[in-house]
């Protein structure tokens, strides 16, 4: 890169983290040339990991050293603490970068789960990527510049070979962003690489799978059928299937085509990408209700972290229609109504504290009608109802005073929602239940 573009400006810290902040970014960006009246930057994100052919992940032989050393040493040190059951997240003045690294990454981990080194590296990649984008926008004038963020993971393999797993390639211009991944995929498919890295057959397969993704994205059935790939097994760099792509783009004709062939690929409908999302989550997230309705006939409904965050966000914005829509697609409506935010506040807490004063009474009325918890307390011991009096919100008070809804009323509503979903569902072909699908878990970095 230095040979092509001149010397770079290094702003990375331990594990590739970025702690220089807005001031550091401005210092780095001051070195960028101005082309056609705009500053232009390429920001590279790449934590690293060692994946030898045989042996323990995280160990790599380096020139001049008889014994193996570690990659990434900082992440392995954090992993050792997690395995011990004691993770120190206090700020250590003698080890500031390590302290900040642990504080940042721990928020990406599931409570109680000790990750593998690969999982921890993915978490670091996501943290760094988000931090870089947020800090870049805080440091620049979007009207005067544009930048590209190329993120991935550097992999130290056997025999001194290094690789790059591509996470994302996105161009940011003013308030818009453009995904450059397919341009990258096309270029890579035409590279002439050493035979042991990518043979002609693999190059051809990657090229055909890229064509299949573009056809699914465009809703072009004829082009898709010409691609000569296994439509149910084609996955991109983040394990998104063609069903993911079609659902994301709202291409119902492609979704129907793939679902009609589920007897060939029974795991497809429940397959999750590296973000933990299925095609259904992407369809709901993008507002493609026709596709979501179709997928609901074959898959389990929404649940878990995705639904929890979406409901909290919808209630926070007092978006009654969106909350009703999310509950319609939920796997279990009663369980969905137990959603909480990061401080343990229930949906009723979030609603009462919403800044959308003109709509929160209507939101509260819906939640109470459906039987949401009005007696829960957050992690700090605060209940949801007490603050209402201090807000002097007459509409909220009227809802609470008139909340002598019979429990049977809310139960009836929930049963109706459940019955409605049952009617929407269709059995999987050959009576294969979604509860018994075997979803493959390939190793993306290795493959």
Protein backbone atom coordinates (compact mmCIF):
# COMPACT_ATOMS: atom_id res chain seq x y z
CA UNK A 1 0.00 0.00 0.00
CA UNK A 2 2.83 2.38 0.83
CA UNK A 3 4.40 1.59 -2.54
CA UNK A 4 1.16 2.42 -4.37
CA UNK A 5 -0.04 5.45 -2.37
CA UNK A 6 2.87 6.73 -0.32
CA UNK A 7 3.44 6.39 3.41
CA UNK A 8 0.50 5.63 5.67
CA UNK A 9 -0.41 7.12 9.07
CA UNK A 10 -0.63 4.47 11.80
CA UNK A 11 -3.31 5.14 14.45
CA UNK A 12 -3.70 1.60 15.78
CA UNK A 13 -3.20 0.35 19.32
CA UNK A 14 -3.20 -3.10 20.92
CA UNK A 15 -5.13 -5.70 18.88
CA UNK A 16 -5.66 -3.09 16.16
CA UNK A 17 -7.93 -1.00 18.42
CA UNK A 18 -8.15 2.75 17.82
CA UNK A 19 -7.90 4.96 20.91
CA UNK A 20 -6.52 8.18 19.39
CA UNK A 21 -9.98 9.78 19.26
CA UNK A 22 -11.17 12.74 17.22
CA UNK A 23 -7.92 14.70 17.68
CA UNK A 24 -5.80 11.78 16.49
CA UNK A 25 -8.01 11.31 13.45
CA UNK A 26 -7.73 14.99 12.55
CA UNK A 27 -3.93 14.77 12.82
CA UNK A 28 -3.88 11.76 10.51
CA UNK A 29 -6.31 13.25 8.04
CA UNK A 30 -4.24 16.42 7.76
CA UNK A 31 -1.72 14.33 5.81
CA UNK A 32 -4.22 13.37 3.12
CA UNK A 33 -4.05 14.92 -0.36
CA UNK A 34 -6.94 17.01 -1.65
CA UNK A 35 -8.32 15.76 -4.98
CA UNK A 36 -11.04 17.65 -6.89
CA UNK A 37 -11.60 19.87 -3.86
CA UNK A 38 -12.13 16.99 -1.41
CA UNK A 39 -9.94 15.20 1.09
CA UNK A 40 -9.98 11.44 0.52
CA UNK A 41 -8.98 8.70 2.96
CA UNK A 42 -8.88 4.92 3.11
CA UNK A 43 -9.10 3.56 6.65
CA UNK A 44 -7.93 -0.03 7.20
CA UNK A 45 -9.25 -2.13 10.07
CA UNK A 46 -7.50 -5.46 10.67
CA UNK A 47 -7.00 -7.21 14.01
CA UNK A 48 -4.94 -10.37 13.55
CA UNK A 49 -4.95 -14.04 14.51
CA UNK A 50 -2.67 -17.02 13.95
CA UNK A 51 -4.34 -20.15 12.51
CA UNK A 52 -1.68 -22.84 11.94
CA UNK A 53 -2.47 -26.01 9.98
CA UNK A 54 -1.78 -28.11 13.07
CA UNK A 55 -1.51 -26.94 16.62
CA UNK A 56 -3.12 -24.36 18.84
CA UNK A 57 -4.92 -21.31 17.43
CA UNK A 58 -3.03 -18.15 18.30
CA UNK A 59 0.50 -19.51 17.93
CA UNK A 60 2.76 -18.44 15.08
CA UNK A 61 6.44 -18.92 14.24
CA UNK A 62 8.19 -15.64 13.51
CA UNK A 63 11.57 -15.15 11.80
CA UNK A 64 14.50 -15.20 14.23
CA UNK A 65 12.54 -16.95 17.02
CA UNK A 66 12.97 -20.63 17.78
CA UNK A 67 9.70 -20.98 19.69
CA UNK A 68 6.24 -19.82 18.60
CA UNK A 69 4.83 -16.50 19.76
CA UNK A 70 1.22 -15.33 19.95
CA UNK A 71 -1.24 -13.50 17.69
CA UNK A 72 -3.04 -11.68 18.95
CA UNK A 73 -1.21 -11.54 22.28
CA UNK A 74 -3.56 -8.96 23.80
CA UNK A 75 -6.70 -10.93 22.86
CA UNK A 76 -5.17 -14.15 24.20
CA UNK A 77 -4.43 -12.37 27.48
CA UNK A 78 -8.06 -11.20 27.66
CA UNK A 79 -9.25 -14.72 26.81
CA UNK A 80 -7.16 -16.15 29.66
CA UNK A 81 -8.91 -13.78 32.09
CA UNK A 82 -12.33 -14.77 30.74
CA UNK A 83 -11.49 -18.44 31.19
CA UNK A 84 -10.43 -17.77 34.78
CA UNK A 85 -13.83 -16.23 35.53
CA UNK A 86 -12.31 -12.89 36.54
CA UNK A 87 -12.06 -10.10 33.96
CA UNK A 88 -10.52 -6.91 35.28
CA UNK A 89 -12.14 -3.95 33.53
CA UNK A 90 -10.93 -1.18 35.84
CA UNK A 91 -8.62 1.43 34.26
CA UNK A 92 -5.01 0.49 34.99
CA UNK A 93 -2.75 3.58 34.56
CA UNK A 94 0.22 1.29 33.89
CA UNK A 95 -1.62 -0.59 31.12
CA UNK A 96 -4.11 1.87 29.64
CA UNK A 97 -4.53 0.30 26.19
CA UNK A 98 -5.18 -3.17 27.60
CA UNK A 99 -7.74 -1.73 30.03
CA UNK A 100 -9.56 0.12 27.26
CA UNK A 101 -9.45 -2.94 24.99
CA UNK A 102 -11.23 -5.09 27.59
CA UNK A 103 -13.80 -2.38 28.34
CA UNK A 104 -14.67 -2.06 24.66
CA UNK A 105 -14.81 -5.74 23.69
CA UNK A 106 -16.64 -7.10 26.74
CA UNK A 107 -19.83 -5.36 25.59
CA UNK A 108 -19.84 -7.56 22.45
CA UNK A 109 -19.78 -10.84 24.37
CA UNK A 110 -22.77 -12.85 25.51
CA UNK A 111 -23.09 -12.90 29.28
CA UNK A 112 -21.66 -16.10 30.77
CA UNK A 113 -20.22 -17.37 27.47
CA UNK A 114 -16.45 -17.83 27.22
CA UNK A 115 -15.62 -17.25 23.54
CA UNK A 116 -13.03 -19.00 21.44
CA UNK A 117 -10.10 -16.98 20.12
CA UNK A 118 -11.81 -16.81 16.72
CA UNK A 119 -15.03 -15.45 18.29
CA UNK A 120 -13.03 -12.91 20.31
CA UNK A 121 -11.23 -11.78 17.16
CA UNK A 122 -14.55 -11.30 15.35
CA UNK A 123 -15.77 -9.23 18.33
CA UNK A 124 -12.63 -7.06 18.18
CA UNK A 125 -13.14 -6.56 14.43
CA UNK A 126 -16.70 -5.36 14.98
CA UNK A 127 -15.72 -2.99 17.81
CA UNK A 128 -12.87 -1.44 15.82
CA UNK A 129 -14.99 -1.06 12.69
CA UNK A 130 -17.77 0.78 14.55
CA UNK A 131 -15.28 2.93 16.47
CA UNK A 132 -13.46 3.98 13.30
CA UNK A 133 -16.65 5.01 11.50
CA UNK A 134 -18.03 6.96 14.49
CA UNK A 135 -14.72 8.73 15.15
CA UNK A 136 -14.23 9.55 11.47
CA UNK A 137 -17.62 11.27 11.28
CA UNK A 138 -16.83 13.17 14.49
CA UNK A 139 -13.55 14.41 13.02
CA UNK A 140 -14.52 15.44 9.49
CA UNK A 141 -16.78 17.78 7.59
CA UNK A 142 -18.75 15.29 5.43
CA UNK A 143 -19.32 17.89 2.74
CA UNK A 144 -15.58 18.38 2.29
CA UNK A 145 -14.33 14.81 2.16
CA UNK A 146 -15.12 11.18 1.48
CA UNK A 147 -13.57 8.02 2.87
CA UNK A 148 -13.55 4.25 2.48
CA UNK A 149 -13.37 1.82 5.39
CA UNK A 150 -11.85 -1.55 4.51
CA UNK A 151 -12.17 -3.97 7.40
CA UNK A 152 -11.17 -7.56 7.86
CA UNK A 153 -8.90 -9.87 9.82
CA UNK A 154 -5.24 -10.54 9.06
CA UNK A 155 -4.51 -14.26 9.34
CA UNK A 156 -1.04 -15.66 9.95
CA UNK A 157 -1.03 -19.11 8.37
CA UNK A 158 1.51 -21.87 8.07
CA UNK A 159 4.79 -21.61 6.14
CA UNK A 160 4.99 -17.86 6.71
CA UNK A 161 1.90 -17.16 4.60
CA UNK A 162 -0.38 -14.27 5.52
CA UNK A 163 -4.02 -13.87 4.46
CA UNK A 164 -6.78 -11.29 4.76
CA UNK A 165 -10.39 -12.24 5.59
CA UNK A 166 -12.56 -9.49 4.04
CA UNK A 167 -15.16 -8.16 6.47
CA UNK A 168 -16.51 -5.13 4.61
CA UNK A 169 -15.56 -2.50 2.03
CA UNK A 170 -17.77 0.58 2.31
CA UNK A 171 -17.45 4.06 0.82
CA UNK A 172 -18.87 6.99 2.83
CA UNK A 173 -19.87 10.17 0.98
CA UNK A 174 -21.72 12.87 2.94
CA UNK A 175 -24.73 11.07 4.46
CA UNK A 176 -24.65 8.16 2.00
CA UNK A 177 -22.69 4.93 1.96
CA UNK A 178 -21.92 2.47 -0.84
CA UNK A 179 -21.01 -1.20 -0.44
CA UNK A 180 -17.96 -2.00 -2.57
CA UNK A 181 -17.78 -5.70 -1.71
CA UNK A 182 -18.97 -6.97 -5.09
CA UNK A 183 -16.34 -4.87 -6.86
CA UNK A 184 -13.78 -6.49 -4.58
CA UNK A 185 -15.18 -9.98 -5.24
CA UNK A 186 -15.00 -9.44 -9.01
CA UNK A 187 -11.40 -8.29 -8.78
CA UNK A 188 -10.37 -11.22 -6.57
CA UNK A 189 -12.03 -13.72 -8.92
CA UNK A 190 -9.71 -12.51 -11.68
CA UNK A 191 -6.48 -12.55 -9.65
CA UNK A 192 -3.77 -15.02 -10.53
CA UNK A 193 -2.80 -16.47 -7.14
CA UNK A 194 -0.52 -19.37 -6.24
CA UNK A 195 -2.21 -22.67 -7.02
CA UNK A 196 -2.23 -23.86 -3.39
CA UNK A 197 -4.12 -20.74 -2.31
CA UNK A 198 -6.75 -20.62 -5.05
CA UNK A 199 -6.96 -23.10 -7.88
CA UNK A 200 -8.78 -22.41 -11.10
CA UNK A 201 -11.80 -24.38 -9.91
CA UNK A 202 -12.14 -22.34 -6.74
CA UNK A 203 -11.72 -19.07 -8.64
CA UNK A 204 -14.45 -20.12 -11.07
CA UNK A 205 -16.77 -21.13 -8.21
CA UNK A 206 -16.29 -17.78 -6.45
CA UNK A 207 -17.04 -15.97 -9.70
CA UNK A 208 -20.25 -17.96 -10.26
CA UNK A 209 -21.37 -17.47 -6.65
CA UNK A 210 -20.86 -13.73 -7.04
CA UNK A 211 -23.05 -13.78 -10.15
CA UNK A 212 -25.68 -15.70 -8.18
CA UNK A 213 -25.67 -13.08 -5.38
CA UNK A 214 -26.11 -10.28 -7.90
CA UNK A 215 -28.99 -12.14 -9.57
CA UNK A 216 -30.69 -12.75 -6.20
CA UNK A 217 -30.19 -9.11 -5.30
CA UNK A 218 -31.77 -7.97 -8.58
CA UNK A 219 -34.60 -10.54 -8.52
CA UNK A 220 -33.46 -12.03 -11.83
CA UNK A 221 -34.63 -15.66 -11.79
CA UNK A 222 -33.30 -16.51 -15.24
CA UNK A 223 -29.82 -15.18 -14.45
CA UNK A 224 -29.84 -17.03 -11.14
CA UNK A 225 -30.70 -20.36 -12.75
CA UNK A 226 -27.88 -19.89 -15.27
CA UNK A 227 -25.23 -19.56 -12.56
CA UNK A 228 -24.67 -23.31 -12.17
CA UNK A 229 -24.06 -23.17 -8.41
CA UNK A 230 -25.68 -24.99 -5.49
CA UNK A 231 -28.22 -22.28 -4.65
CA UNK A 232 -28.69 -23.53 -1.11
CA UNK A 233 -25.00 -23.76 -0.24
CA UNK A 234 -23.60 -20.53 -1.73
CA UNK A 235 -22.41 -18.30 1.12
CA UNK A 236 -20.62 -14.95 1.03
CA UNK A 237 -17.76 -13.81 3.29
CA UNK A 238 -20.08 -13.32 6.29
CA UNK A 239 -22.03 -16.57 5.71
CA UNK A 240 -25.06 -14.89 4.15
CA UNK A 241 -26.93 -17.25 1.85
CA UNK A 242 -28.83 -16.33 -1.31
CA UNK A 243 -31.99 -16.42 0.82
CA UNK A 244 -30.44 -13.77 3.10
CA UNK A 245 -29.60 -11.60 0.09
CA UNK A 246 -33.05 -11.91 -1.50
CA UNK A 247 -34.83 -11.21 1.80
CA UNK A 248 -32.64 -8.17 2.43
CA UNK A 249 -33.52 -6.75 -0.98
CA UNK A 250 -37.22 -7.70 -0.82
CA UNK A 251 -37.00 -10.01 -3.84
CA UNK A 252 -40.05 -12.16 -3.10
CA UNK A 253 -39.82 -14.15 -6.35
CA UNK A 254 -36.32 -15.37 -5.42
CA UNK A 255 -37.37 -16.11 -1.84
CA UNK A 256 -40.28 -18.21 -3.13
CA UNK A 257 -37.99 -20.07 -5.54
CA UNK A 258 -35.55 -20.97 -2.76
CA UNK A 259 -38.26 -21.92 -0.26
CA UNK A 260 -39.89 -24.19 -2.81
CA UNK A 261 -36.65 -26.17 -2.87
CA UNK A 262 -36.33 -26.53 0.91
CA UNK A 263 -36.43 -30.30 0.67
CA UNK A 264 -32.96 -30.01 -0.89
CA UNK A 265 -31.64 -27.50 1.67
CA UNK A 266 -33.63 -27.95 4.92
CA UNK A 267 -31.15 -25.88 6.95
CA UNK A 268 -31.41 -22.80 4.72
CA UNK A 269 -34.38 -21.08 6.36
CA UNK A 270 -32.82 -21.19 9.86
CA UNK A 271 -29.24 -20.50 8.76
CA UNK A 272 -27.67 -17.57 10.63
CA UNK A 273 -24.87 -15.37 9.32
CA UNK A 274 -21.94 -14.09 11.38
CA UNK A 275 -24.23 -11.40 12.84
CA UNK A 276 -26.53 -14.16 14.09
CA UNK A 277 -29.32 -13.14 11.71
CA UNK A 278 -31.52 -15.28 9.47
CA UNK A 279 -33.30 -14.23 6.30
CA UNK A 280 -36.42 -13.42 8.35
CA UNK A 281 -34.58 -10.88 10.50
CA UNK A 282 -33.25 -9.13 7.40
CA UNK A 283 -36.69 -9.00 5.78
CA UNK A 284 -38.29 -7.52 8.92
CA UNK A 285 -35.40 -5.10 9.43
CA UNK A 286 -35.71 -3.80 5.85
CA UNK A 287 -39.51 -3.53 6.04
CA UNK A 288 -40.19 -6.15 3.37
CA UNK A 289 -43.41 -7.51 4.86
CA UNK A 290 -44.43 -9.64 1.89
CA UNK A 291 -41.15 -11.54 2.16
CA UNK A 292 -41.38 -11.72 5.95
CA UNK A 293 -44.90 -13.16 5.77
CA UNK A 294 -43.69 -15.83 3.36
CA UNK A 295 -40.70 -16.74 5.55
CA UNK A 296 -42.93 -16.97 8.63
CA UNK A 297 -44.65 -19.90 6.96
CA UNK A 298 -41.41 -21.88 7.11
CA UNK A 299 -39.30 -20.58 9.99
CA UNK A 300 -39.49 -19.84 13.66
CA UNK A 301 -40.54 -16.29 14.51
CA UNK A 302 -38.34 -13.50 15.85
CA UNK A 303 -36.77 -13.88 19.29
CA UNK A 304 -33.62 -13.12 21.22
CA UNK A 305 -31.32 -10.13 20.96
CA UNK A 306 -32.55 -8.88 17.58
CA UNK A 307 -36.20 -8.69 18.68
CA UNK A 308 -35.29 -7.30 22.10
CA UNK A 309 -33.33 -4.39 20.64
CA UNK A 310 -35.91 -3.69 17.95
CA UNK A 311 -38.78 -3.59 20.48
CA UNK A 312 -36.88 -1.32 22.86
CA UNK A 313 -36.06 1.03 19.97
CA UNK A 314 -39.67 1.02 18.74
CA UNK A 315 -41.10 1.72 22.20
CA UNK A 316 -38.47 4.41 22.83
CA UNK A 317 -39.70 6.19 19.70
CA UNK A 318 -43.35 5.47 20.62
CA UNK A 319 -43.81 3.85 17.21
CA UNK A 320 -47.02 1.91 17.83
CA UNK A 321 -47.27 0.47 14.32
CA UNK A 322 -43.68 -0.79 14.34
CA UNK A 323 -44.10 -2.44 17.75
CA UNK A 324 -47.30 -4.14 16.59
CA UNK A 325 -45.47 -5.28 13.47
CA UNK A 326 -42.55 -6.74 15.45
CA UNK A 327 -44.90 -8.58 17.79
CA UNK A 328 -46.71 -10.01 14.79
CA UNK A 329 -43.47 -11.66 13.69
CA UNK A 330 -42.38 -12.76 17.17
CA UNK A 331 -42.07 -16.42 18.08
CA UNK A 332 -43.68 -15.90 21.50
CA UNK A 333 -45.55 -12.65 22.13
CA UNK A 334 -45.61 -12.98 25.92
CA UNK A 335 -41.87 -13.59 26.01
CA UNK A 336 -41.25 -10.71 23.60
CA UNK A 337 -43.07 -8.33 25.96
CA UNK A 338 -40.45 -9.13 28.63
CA UNK A 339 -37.80 -7.27 26.62
CA UNK A 340 -35.49 -4.96 28.60
CA UNK A 341 -32.84 -2.39 27.73
CA UNK A 342 -29.20 -2.41 28.86
CA UNK A 343 -30.20 -1.00 32.27
CA UNK A 344 -32.84 -3.66 32.85
CA UNK A 345 -35.73 -1.29 32.17
CA UNK A 346 -38.89 -2.99 30.92
CA UNK A 347 -40.81 -1.80 27.88
CA UNK A 348 -43.15 0.10 30.22
CA UNK A 349 -40.12 1.86 31.77
CA UNK A 350 -38.84 2.77 28.31
CA UNK A 351 -42.25 4.00 27.16
CA UNK A 352 -42.86 6.25 30.18
CA UNK A 353 -39.40 7.79 29.77
CA UNK A 354 -39.74 8.24 26.01
CA UNK A 355 -39.02 11.72 24.68
CA UNK A 356 -41.98 11.39 22.29
CA UNK A 357 -44.43 12.95 24.74
CA UNK A 358 -47.30 13.26 22.27
CA UNK A 359 -47.30 9.54 21.38
CA UNK A 360 -46.15 7.71 24.49
CA UNK A 361 -49.63 7.49 26.03
CA UNK A 362 -50.86 5.55 23.01
CA UNK A 363 -47.78 3.34 23.22
CA UNK A 364 -48.37 2.68 26.91
CA UNK A 365 -52.01 1.84 26.26
CA UNK A 366 -50.97 -0.81 23.73
CA UNK A 367 -48.37 -2.34 26.06
CA UNK A 368 -50.79 -2.55 28.97
CA UNK A 369 -53.54 -4.00 26.79
CA UNK A 370 -51.15 -6.76 25.73
CA UNK A 371 -50.16 -7.49 29.31
CA UNK A 372 -46.67 -5.92 29.51
CA UNK A 373 -45.09 -5.91 32.97
CA UNK A 374 -45.92 -2.72 34.94
CA UNK A 375 -44.38 -3.91 38.21
CA UNK A 376 -40.84 -4.68 37.12
CA UNK A 377 -37.81 -2.79 38.46
CA UNK A 378 -34.59 -2.02 36.62
CA UNK A 379 -31.06 -2.89 37.75
CA UNK A 380 -31.07 0.18 40.01
CA UNK A 381 -34.28 -0.75 41.79
CA UNK A 382 -36.46 1.84 40.02
CA UNK A 383 -40.02 0.88 39.15
CA UNK A 384 -41.74 2.09 36.01
CA UNK A 385 -44.91 3.73 37.32
CA UNK A 386 -43.70 6.01 40.15
CA UNK A 387 -42.07 8.65 37.86
CA UNK A 388 -45.36 9.26 36.03
CA UNK A 389 -46.69 11.63 38.69
CA UNK A 390 -43.57 13.80 38.53
CA UNK A 391 -43.88 14.09 34.76
CA UNK A 392 -47.31 15.68 35.11
CA UNK A 393 -48.40 13.89 31.95
CA UNK A 394 -52.19 13.78 32.14
CA UNK A 395 -52.46 11.34 29.23
CA UNK A 396 -50.15 8.82 30.88
CA UNK A 397 -52.01 9.18 34.17
CA UNK A 398 -55.32 8.52 32.45
CA UNK A 399 -53.95 5.35 30.87
CA UNK A 400 -52.66 4.11 34.21
CA UNK A 401 -55.85 5.01 36.07
CA UNK A 402 -57.94 3.26 33.44
CA UNK A 403 -55.71 0.21 33.33
CA UNK A 404 -58.12 -2.04 35.18
CA UNK A 405 -58.12 -4.20 32.08
CA UNK A 406 -58.99 -7.75 32.90
CA UNK A 407 -56.13 -10.14 32.51
CA UNK A 408 -58.36 -12.21 30.25
CA UNK A 409 -58.54 -9.27 27.81
CA UNK A 410 -54.80 -9.23 27.27
CA UNK A 411 -54.67 -13.02 27.14
CA UNK A 412 -57.30 -13.05 24.41
CA UNK A 413 -55.23 -10.58 22.41
CA UNK A 414 -52.14 -12.75 22.77
CA UNK A 415 -54.01 -15.90 21.83
CA UNK A 416 -55.34 -14.16 18.75
CA UNK A 417 -51.82 -13.20 17.73
CA UNK A 418 -50.65 -16.74 18.31
CA UNK A 419 -53.50 -18.23 16.30
CA UNK A 420 -52.87 -15.75 13.51
CA UNK A 421 -49.26 -16.89 13.27
CA UNK A 422 -50.26 -20.54 13.29
CA UNK A 423 -52.49 -19.88 10.31
CA UNK A 424 -49.60 -18.17 8.54
CA UNK A 425 -47.23 -21.10 9.14
CA UNK A 426 -46.90 -23.91 6.66
CA UNK A 427 -45.18 -27.21 7.44
CA UNK A 428 -41.71 -27.72 6.08
CA UNK A 429 -41.54 -30.06 3.08
CA UNK A 430 -41.29 -33.75 3.98
CA UNK A 431 -42.53 -32.89 7.49
CA UNK A 432 -39.14 -31.65 8.54
CA UNK A 433 -39.58 -29.50 11.61
CA UNK A 434 -37.51 -26.36 12.02
CA UNK A 435 -36.79 -27.57 15.58
CA UNK A 436 -34.67 -30.40 14.15
CA UNK A 437 -32.67 -28.61 11.50
CA UNK A 438 -28.95 -29.25 11.53
CA UNK A 439 -27.36 -25.90 10.68
CA UNK A 440 -23.77 -26.33 9.53
CA UNK A 441 -21.12 -24.30 11.30
CA UNK A 442 -18.18 -23.97 8.89
CA UNK A 443 -15.06 -22.10 10.01
CA UNK A 444 -15.21 -18.90 7.88
CA UNK A 445 -11.61 -17.88 8.55
CA UNK A 446 -10.25 -21.30 7.63
CA UNK A 447 -12.46 -21.68 4.53
